[in-house]
Structure formats: structure tokens, C-alpha cells
Amino acid sequence: MIEIRVFISCPSRDTVLGNLPLELVSTADDLNKYYEPQGFLIKPLYWEQPFFVGSEIGKTPQQLIDEKVGDYDLYFGMMGSRYGSELQDNPISLTEYEFNDALVRNAKSSQYKYPRIVCFSFLKASKEDCDDGQFEKIEEFRYRAWETGISNVYTNKNEIVRLFESKLKECVDTSFVKYSLPNEYTIPLSISDRTNARDSIFRLNQSSLYEE
């Protein structure tokens, strides 16, 4: 069974998002009825799940991500009416931190990388929907996310659900990139390695000419 791990990242108590994160978890569960017989299991990772609630106090966001999330195939970030509280040692919210962490992981990865897909969705909110100061912070973050080229603004939840479904399908369709190729298909990258490999093949072909 090939596991597709999905990190759903969003602020807590976001009244515009409402129960959308749980709807996405339910969507993943429904899709598993189709994908499991094909050998795929979608595993959503969301902070309101029991194993997140038991997070230890005093640990850094990075430690919690590493311990509670680990590697994941898809980072799916969302934000509506709440930017979130800023971290003690960093003037950004935990959601933006998780987004930045996903970008860093993706940039450092090789062809067989985690996460393979990173995206962020903003569900349009008015200033009246937001608590004091939150609207301005959301707008500032929206611009920073827009500069990455992988964020979008949506006007209704159904659009985000459809995006989520399409990204899960993309993860399943490209799941082969998670696994290393067999050694015999590995191509050396250094000049000396390529030269040695070429000479070895040449000697092998030459010797076969003299076989009876």
C-alpha cells in the first residue's frame, strides 16, 4: 500500500474557514474508498486530530512538525479570517511558518522529494469578518505567498475542495517519484564516473567479439 501523506495547515478558530479543514479530512476518507483498492492510502494530517492535540508544551514549531507530521507528499495551506498569533521568536504565525517550512523542504529536495506539491488557498474575507489587526496581517501574508506563485484567492469553499481533490489525484498519479530507481538505471553524474562506465561497457563489448 502506497501512503499519500497530506499536511492540512491553517489557523485555529478561523470563522470564515469554519469546518472546511474537517471537510477536507472527510473528502480524503471518501477518496480512499476509490484509491485503496488500487493500492493507495491517503492519510490527512491535521492539528485537531487526537495525536496533534497531545503535543508537548515547550517544543518549537519545527520540532512539532517533525514529530507530529514528519515527511508528507502534499502541503495544503489555507487561511480565511484569521492570520493567527505570532511565534515568540519569530514575527510570523504558525501557519505561515508551516508554509515557509514546506517551501524550504521542497526546495532542498531531490527528484524523490517531500513534499512533492505545495499550495496555499486564501478564502476571501472582509475586514468585518476579522478580529482587530488580523485583516492587515492576512493581506501582508497574502502578498508574500503570492510572490511564490503557488497561492490563490477563492470566494467559496467548494472551489478549495475541488482544488484539494485535484492535488490528491496529482499526488497519486505521480507517486512513482517517491521511490528510487533500481541501481541498474542510475546514471553517474561525475565525468570520471561516466568515463569509467563508458570504458567498462566498451571492454565488455570488445570481449564479446572474440567469444566463440
C-alpha atoms as a PDB file:
ATOM      1  CA  MET A   1       0.000   0.000   0.000  1.00  0.00           C
ATOM      2  CA  ILE A   2       1.437   3.375  -1.043  1.00  0.00           C
ATOM      3  CA  GLU A   3       0.709   6.060   1.569  1.00  0.00           C
ATOM      4  CA  ILE A   4      -0.034   9.614   0.412  1.00  0.00           C
ATOM      5  CA  ARG A   5       0.520  11.926   3.394  1.00  0.00           C
ATOM      6  CA  VAL A   6      -1.286  15.277   3.310  1.00  0.00           C
ATOM      7  CA  PHE A   7      -0.489  18.109   5.733  1.00  0.00           C
ATOM      8  CA  ILE A   8      -3.545  20.378   6.130  1.00  0.00           C
ATOM      9  CA  SER A   9      -2.273  23.648   7.607  1.00  0.00           C
ATOM     10  CA  CYS A  10      -4.478  26.553   8.746  1.00  0.00           C
ATOM     11  CA  PRO A  11      -5.043  28.879  11.723  1.00  0.00           C
ATOM     12  CA  SER A  12      -7.277  27.791  14.576  1.00  0.00           C
ATOM     13  CA  ARG A  13     -10.633  29.488  15.242  1.00  0.00           C
ATOM     14  CA  ASP A  14     -10.908  30.802  11.676  1.00  0.00           C
ATOM     15  CA  THR A  15     -14.611  31.640  11.369  1.00  0.00           C
ATOM     16  CA  VAL A  16     -14.556  32.041   7.573  1.00  0.00           C
ATOM     17  CA  LEU A  17     -12.905  28.648   7.028  1.00  0.00           C
ATOM     18  CA  GLY A  18     -15.248  27.171   9.618  1.00  0.00           C
ATOM     19  CA  ASN A  19     -15.305  23.385   9.344  1.00  0.00           C
ATOM     20  CA  LEU A  20     -13.566  23.349   5.936  1.00  0.00           C
ATOM     21  CA  PRO A  21     -10.430  21.578   7.279  1.00  0.00           C
ATOM     22  CA  LEU A  22     -12.598  18.746   8.623  1.00  0.00           C
ATOM     23  CA  GLU A  23     -14.464  18.644   5.296  1.00  0.00           C
ATOM     24  CA  LEU A  24     -11.112  18.049   3.584  1.00  0.00           C
ATOM     25  CA  VAL A  25     -10.317  15.224   6.020  1.00  0.00           C
ATOM     26  CA  SER A  26     -13.707  13.716   5.192  1.00  0.00           C
ATOM     27  CA  THR A  27     -13.039  14.182   1.460  1.00  0.00           C
ATOM     28  CA  ALA A  28      -9.759  12.279   1.810  1.00  0.00           C
ATOM     29  CA  ASP A  29     -11.555   9.469   3.631  1.00  0.00           C
ATOM     30  CA  ASP A  30     -14.163   9.274   0.863  1.00  0.00           C
ATOM     31  CA  LEU A  31     -11.477   9.189  -1.841  1.00  0.00           C
ATOM     32  CA  ASN A  32      -9.785   6.320  -0.025  1.00  0.00           C
ATOM     33  CA  LYS A  33     -12.795   4.147  -0.911  1.00  0.00           C
ATOM     34  CA  TYR A  34     -11.764   4.589  -4.538  1.00  0.00           C
ATOM     35  CA  TYR A  35      -7.979   4.624  -4.165  1.00  0.00           C
ATOM     36  CA  GLU A  36      -7.404   1.876  -1.577  1.00  0.00           C
ATOM     37  CA  PRO A  37      -8.390  -0.957  -3.982  1.00  0.00           C
ATOM     38  CA  GLN A  38      -5.763   0.487  -6.329  1.00  0.00           C
ATOM     39  CA  GLY A  39      -3.077   0.298  -3.647  1.00  0.00           C
ATOM     40  CA  PHE A  40      -3.070   3.899  -2.367  1.00  0.00           C
ATOM     41  CA  LEU A  41      -3.941   5.225   1.089  1.00  0.00           C
ATOM     42  CA  ILE A  42      -4.454   8.963   1.626  1.00  0.00           C
ATOM     43  CA  LYS A  43      -3.522   9.997   5.167  1.00  0.00           C
ATOM     44  CA  PRO A  44      -4.592  13.553   6.128  1.00  0.00           C
ATOM     45  CA  LEU A  45      -2.581  15.227   8.901  1.00  0.00           C
ATOM     46  CA  TYR A  46      -4.492  17.984  10.683  1.00  0.00           C
ATOM     47  CA  TRP A  47      -3.819  19.635  14.044  1.00  0.00           C
ATOM     48  CA  GLU A  48      -7.303  18.919  15.500  1.00  0.00           C
ATOM     49  CA  GLN A  49      -6.720  15.183  15.211  1.00  0.00           C
ATOM     50  CA  PRO A  50      -6.065  13.419  18.557  1.00  0.00           C
ATOM     51  CA  PHE A  51      -2.346  12.851  18.030  1.00  0.00           C
ATOM     52  CA  PHE A  52      -1.849  16.594  17.436  1.00  0.00           C
ATOM     53  CA  VAL A  53      -3.872  17.669  20.462  1.00  0.00           C
ATOM     54  CA  GLY A  54      -1.412  15.839  22.704  1.00  0.00           C
ATOM     55  CA  SER A  55       1.517  17.968  21.552  1.00  0.00           C
ATOM     56  CA  GLU A  56       4.111  18.586  24.233  1.00  0.00           C
ATOM     57  CA  ILE A  57       4.439  22.086  25.693  1.00  0.00           C
ATOM     58  CA  GLY A  58       7.779  23.839  25.292  1.00  0.00           C
ATOM     59  CA  LYS A  59       8.731  22.422  21.913  1.00  0.00           C
ATOM     60  CA  THR A  60       9.469  24.587  18.881  1.00  0.00           C
ATOM     61  CA  PRO A  61       7.148  24.599  15.845  1.00  0.00           C
ATOM     62  CA  GLN A  62       9.813  22.774  13.856  1.00  0.00           C
ATOM     63  CA  GLN A  63      10.059  20.041  16.494  1.00  0.00           C
ATOM     64  CA  LEU A  64       6.275  19.601  16.489  1.00  0.00           C
ATOM     65  CA  ILE A  65       6.180  19.431  12.677  1.00  0.00           C
ATOM     66  CA  ASP A  66       8.993  16.871  12.624  1.00  0.00           C
ATOM     67  CA  GLU A  67       7.463  14.736  15.383  1.00  0.00           C
ATOM     68  CA  LYS A  68       3.756  15.020  14.584  1.00  0.00           C
ATOM     69  CA  VAL A  69       3.878  15.350  10.800  1.00  0.00           C
ATOM     70  CA  GLY A  70       7.225  14.094   9.543  1.00  0.00           C
ATOM     71  CA  ASP A  71       7.511  13.758   5.765  1.00  0.00           C
ATOM     72  CA  TYR A  72       4.446  14.500   3.680  1.00  0.00           C
ATOM     73  CA  ASP A  73       3.589  14.425  -0.024  1.00  0.00           C
ATOM     74  CA  LEU A  74       1.225  17.396  -0.152  1.00  0.00           C
ATOM     75  CA  TYR A  75       1.232  20.616   1.855  1.00  0.00           C
ATOM     76  CA  PHE A  76      -2.248  22.145   1.654  1.00  0.00           C
ATOM     77  CA  GLY A  77      -2.395  25.506   3.429  1.00  0.00           C
ATOM     78  CA  MET A  78      -5.490  27.647   3.948  1.00  0.00           C
ATOM     79  CA  MET A  79      -6.462  30.951   5.549  1.00  0.00           C
ATOM     80  CA  GLY A  80      -9.692  32.949   5.809  1.00  0.00           C
ATOM     81  CA  SER A  81     -10.413  35.491   8.534  1.00  0.00           C
ATOM     82  CA  ARG A  82      -7.540  34.774  10.903  1.00  0.00           C
ATOM     83  CA  TYR A  83      -3.790  35.126  10.414  1.00  0.00           C
ATOM     84  CA  GLY A  84      -3.035  33.652  13.829  1.00  0.00           C
ATOM     85  CA  SER A  85      -0.830  34.520  16.776  1.00  0.00           C
ATOM     86  CA  GLU A  86       2.801  35.328  16.130  1.00  0.00           C
ATOM     87  CA  LEU A  87       5.518  32.997  17.388  1.00  0.00           C
ATOM     88  CA  GLN A  88       7.618  34.073  20.353  1.00  0.00           C
ATOM     89  CA  ASP A  89      10.928  34.095  18.496  1.00  0.00           C
ATOM     90  CA  ASN A  90       9.616  34.887  15.018  1.00  0.00           C
ATOM     91  CA  PRO A  91       7.148  37.647  13.983  1.00  0.00           C
ATOM     92  CA  ILE A  92       5.029  35.307  11.835  1.00  0.00           C
ATOM     93  CA  SER A  93       2.132  32.985  12.627  1.00  0.00           C
ATOM     94  CA  LEU A  94       2.453  29.221  12.928  1.00  0.00           C
ATOM     95  CA  THR A  95       0.548  28.765   9.661  1.00  0.00           C
ATOM     96  CA  GLU A  96       2.965  30.998   7.757  1.00  0.00           C
ATOM     97  CA  TYR A  97       5.835  29.202   9.468  1.00  0.00           C
ATOM     98  CA  GLU A  98       4.470  25.848   8.278  1.00  0.00           C
ATOM     99  CA  PHE A  99       4.081  27.235   4.755  1.00  0.00           C
ATOM    100  CA  ASN A 100       7.664  28.539   4.716  1.00  0.00           C
ATOM    101  CA  ASP A 101       8.900  25.235   6.114  1.00  0.00           C
ATOM    102  CA  ALA A 102       7.149  23.358   3.291  1.00  0.00           C
ATOM    103  CA  LEU A 103       8.775  25.654   0.709  1.00  0.00           C
ATOM    104  CA  VAL A 104      12.210  25.103   2.228  1.00  0.00           C
ATOM    105  CA  ARG A 105      11.725  21.330   2.296  1.00  0.00           C
ATOM    106  CA  ASN A 106      10.546  21.330  -1.314  1.00  0.00           C
ATOM    107  CA  ALA A 107      13.453  23.488  -2.487  1.00  0.00           C
ATOM    108  CA  LYS A 108      16.047  21.286  -0.761  1.00  0.00           C
ATOM    109  CA  SER A 109      14.573  18.031  -2.022  1.00  0.00           C
ATOM    110  CA  SER A 110      15.894  15.913  -4.837  1.00  0.00           C
ATOM    111  CA  GLN A 111      13.732  14.350  -7.544  1.00  0.00           C
ATOM    112  CA  TYR A 112      12.318  11.983  -4.921  1.00  0.00           C
ATOM    113  CA  LYS A 113      11.149  14.750  -2.660  1.00  0.00           C
ATOM    114  CA  TYR A 114       8.877  15.532   0.270  1.00  0.00           C
ATOM    115  CA  PRO A 115       6.658  17.449  -0.123  1.00  0.00           C
ATOM    116  CA  ARG A 116       6.138  16.969  -3.843  1.00  0.00           C
ATOM    117  CA  ILE A 117       3.327  19.539  -4.011  1.00  0.00           C
ATOM    118  CA  VAL A 118       2.917  22.796  -2.055  1.00  0.00           C
ATOM    119  CA  CYS A 119      -0.093  25.125  -2.405  1.00  0.00           C
ATOM    120  CA  PHE A 120      -1.884  27.759  -0.349  1.00  0.00           C
ATOM    121  CA  SER A 121      -5.506  28.926  -0.609  1.00  0.00           C
ATOM    122  CA  PHE A 122      -6.990  32.135   0.757  1.00  0.00           C
ATOM    123  CA  LEU A 123     -10.753  32.114   1.266  1.00  0.00           C
ATOM    124  CA  LYS A 124     -11.820  35.706   0.689  1.00  0.00           C
ATOM    125  CA  ALA A 125     -12.813  37.521   3.897  1.00  0.00           C
ATOM    126  CA  SER A 126     -13.934  41.089   4.549  1.00  0.00           C
ATOM    127  CA  LYS A 127     -12.445  43.338   7.199  1.00  0.00           C
ATOM    128  CA  GLU A 128     -15.625  42.881   9.220  1.00  0.00           C
ATOM    129  CA  ASP A 129     -15.016  39.112   9.298  1.00  0.00           C
ATOM    130  CA  CYS A 130     -11.661  39.587  11.028  1.00  0.00           C
ATOM    131  CA  ASP A 131     -10.625  40.474  14.557  1.00  0.00           C
ATOM    132  CA  ASP A 132      -8.652  43.676  15.133  1.00  0.00           C
ATOM    133  CA  GLY A 133      -5.384  43.702  13.201  1.00  0.00           C
ATOM    134  CA  GLN A 134      -5.922  40.322  11.561  1.00  0.00           C
ATOM    135  CA  PHE A 135      -7.129  41.605   8.173  1.00  0.00           C
ATOM    136  CA  GLU A 136      -3.966  43.663   7.608  1.00  0.00           C
ATOM    137  CA  LYS A 137      -1.728  40.742   8.582  1.00  0.00           C
ATOM    138  CA  ILE A 138      -3.620  38.415   6.233  1.00  0.00           C
ATOM    139  CA  GLU A 139      -3.173  40.884   3.368  1.00  0.00           C
ATOM    140  CA  GLU A 140       0.547  41.180   4.069  1.00  0.00           C
ATOM    141  CA  PHE A 141       0.943  37.401   4.134  1.00  0.00           C
ATOM    142  CA  ARG A 142      -1.214  37.014   1.020  1.00  0.00           C
ATOM    143  CA  TYR A 143       1.233  39.234  -0.868  1.00  0.00           C
ATOM    144  CA  ARG A 144       4.229  37.234   0.415  1.00  0.00           C
ATOM    145  CA  ALA A 145       2.528  33.969  -0.578  1.00  0.00           C
ATOM    146  CA  TRP A 146       1.545  35.434  -3.967  1.00  0.00           C
ATOM    147  CA  GLU A 147       5.220  36.112  -4.691  1.00  0.00           C
ATOM    148  CA  THR A 148       5.889  32.355  -4.525  1.00  0.00           C
ATOM    149  CA  GLY A 149       3.484  31.777  -7.415  1.00  0.00           C
ATOM    150  CA  ILE A 150       1.639  28.916  -5.695  1.00  0.00           C
ATOM    151  CA  SER A 151      -1.190  30.674  -3.863  1.00  0.00           C
ATOM    152  CA  ASN A 152      -4.688  31.648  -4.952  1.00  0.00           C
ATOM    153  CA  VAL A 153      -7.693  33.533  -3.584  1.00  0.00           C
ATOM    154  CA  TYR A 154     -11.100  31.835  -3.671  1.00  0.00           C
ATOM    155  CA  THR A 155     -14.593  33.113  -2.987  1.00  0.00           C
ATOM    156  CA  ASN A 156     -16.263  29.878  -1.856  1.00  0.00           C
ATOM    157  CA  LYS A 157     -15.319  26.673  -0.079  1.00  0.00           C
ATOM    158  CA  ASN A 158     -16.311  24.371  -2.925  1.00  0.00           C
ATOM    159  CA  GLU A 159     -13.507  25.776  -5.065  1.00  0.00           C
ATOM    160  CA  ILE A 160     -10.986  24.824  -2.387  1.00  0.00           C
ATOM    161  CA  VAL A 161     -12.481  21.344  -2.007  1.00  0.00           C
ATOM    162  CA  ARG A 162     -12.155  20.803  -5.771  1.00  0.00           C
ATOM    163  CA  LEU A 163      -8.545  22.040  -5.664  1.00  0.00           C
ATOM    164  CA  PHE A 164      -7.848  19.624  -2.810  1.00  0.00           C
ATOM    165  CA  GLU A 165      -9.274  16.722  -4.796  1.00  0.00           C
ATOM    166  CA  SER A 166      -7.209  17.631  -7.866  1.00  0.00           C
ATOM    167  CA  LYS A 167      -3.988  17.876  -5.818  1.00  0.00           C
ATOM    168  CA  LEU A 168      -4.656  14.470  -4.255  1.00  0.00           C
ATOM    169  CA  LYS A 169      -5.153  12.987  -7.707  1.00  0.00           C
ATOM    170  CA  GLU A 170      -1.892  14.598  -8.822  1.00  0.00           C
ATOM    171  CA  CYS A 171      -0.137  13.020  -5.819  1.00  0.00           C
ATOM    172  CA  VAL A 172      -1.490   9.593  -6.726  1.00  0.00           C
ATOM    173  CA  ASP A 173      -0.687   9.983 -10.426  1.00  0.00           C
ATOM    174  CA  THR A 174       2.918  10.996  -9.658  1.00  0.00           C
ATOM    175  CA  SER A 175       3.511   8.716  -6.691  1.00  0.00           C
ATOM    176  CA  PHE A 176       6.276   6.844  -8.514  1.00  0.00           C
ATOM    177  CA  VAL A 177       8.675   9.757  -7.958  1.00  0.00           C
ATOM    178  CA  LYS A 178       8.766   8.898  -4.237  1.00  0.00           C
ATOM    179  CA  TYR A 179      10.815   5.796  -4.891  1.00  0.00           C
ATOM    180  CA  SER A 180      14.416   5.500  -6.022  1.00  0.00           C
ATOM    181  CA  LEU A 181      15.121   3.831  -9.322  1.00  0.00           C
ATOM    182  CA  PRO A 182      16.900   0.439  -9.254  1.00  0.00           C
ATOM    183  CA  ASN A 183      20.684   0.692  -9.278  1.00  0.00           C
ATOM    184  CA  GLU A 184      20.947  -0.550 -12.848  1.00  0.00           C
ATOM    185  CA  TYR A 185      19.011   2.514 -14.014  1.00  0.00           C
ATOM    186  CA  THR A 186      21.135   5.000 -12.087  1.00  0.00           C
ATOM    187  CA  ILE A 187      23.258   7.252 -14.319  1.00  0.00           C
ATOM    188  CA  PRO A 188      26.535   8.505 -12.748  1.00  0.00           C
ATOM    189  CA  LEU A 189      26.792  12.293 -12.847  1.00  0.00           C
ATOM    190  CA  SER A 190      30.525  12.919 -12.481  1.00  0.00           C
ATOM    191  CA  ILE A 191      32.801  12.987 -15.539  1.00  0.00           C
ATOM    192  CA  SER A 192      35.133  10.356 -14.100  1.00  0.00           C
ATOM    193  CA  ASP A 193      32.232   8.037 -13.299  1.00  0.00           C
ATOM    194  CA  ARG A 194      30.797   8.438 -16.782  1.00  0.00           C
ATOM    195  CA  THR A 195      34.231   7.754 -18.314  1.00  0.00           C
ATOM    196  CA  ASN A 196      34.737   4.615 -16.218  1.00  0.00           C
ATOM    197  CA  ALA A 197      31.252   3.380 -17.067  1.00  0.00           C
ATOM    198  CA  ARG A 198      31.844   4.028 -20.784  1.00  0.00           C
ATOM    199  CA  ASP A 199      35.212   2.218 -20.747  1.00  0.00           C
ATOM    200  CA  SER A 200      33.694  -0.720 -18.877  1.00  0.00           C
ATOM    201  CA  ILE A 201      30.915  -1.086 -21.454  1.00  0.00           C
ATOM    202  CA  PHE A 202      33.471  -0.767 -24.283  1.00  0.00           C
ATOM    203  CA  ARG A 203      35.643  -3.571 -22.819  1.00  0.00           C
ATOM    204  CA  LEU A 204      32.582  -5.747 -22.340  1.00  0.00           C
ATOM    205  CA  ASN A 205      31.508  -5.258 -25.953  1.00  0.00           C
ATOM    206  CA  GLN A 206      35.058  -5.867 -27.220  1.00  0.00           C
ATOM    207  CA  SER A 207      35.397  -9.134 -25.325  1.00  0.00           C
ATOM    208  CA  SER A 208      32.121 -10.387 -26.742  1.00  0.00           C
ATOM    209  CA  LEU A 209      33.544 -10.039 -30.285  1.00  0.00           C
ATOM    210  CA  TYR A 210      36.102 -12.776 -29.562  1.00  0.00           C
ATOM    211  CA  GLU A 211      33.739 -15.233 -27.934  1.00  0.00           C
ATOM    212  CA  GLU A 212      33.303 -18.448 -29.859  1.00  0.00           C
END
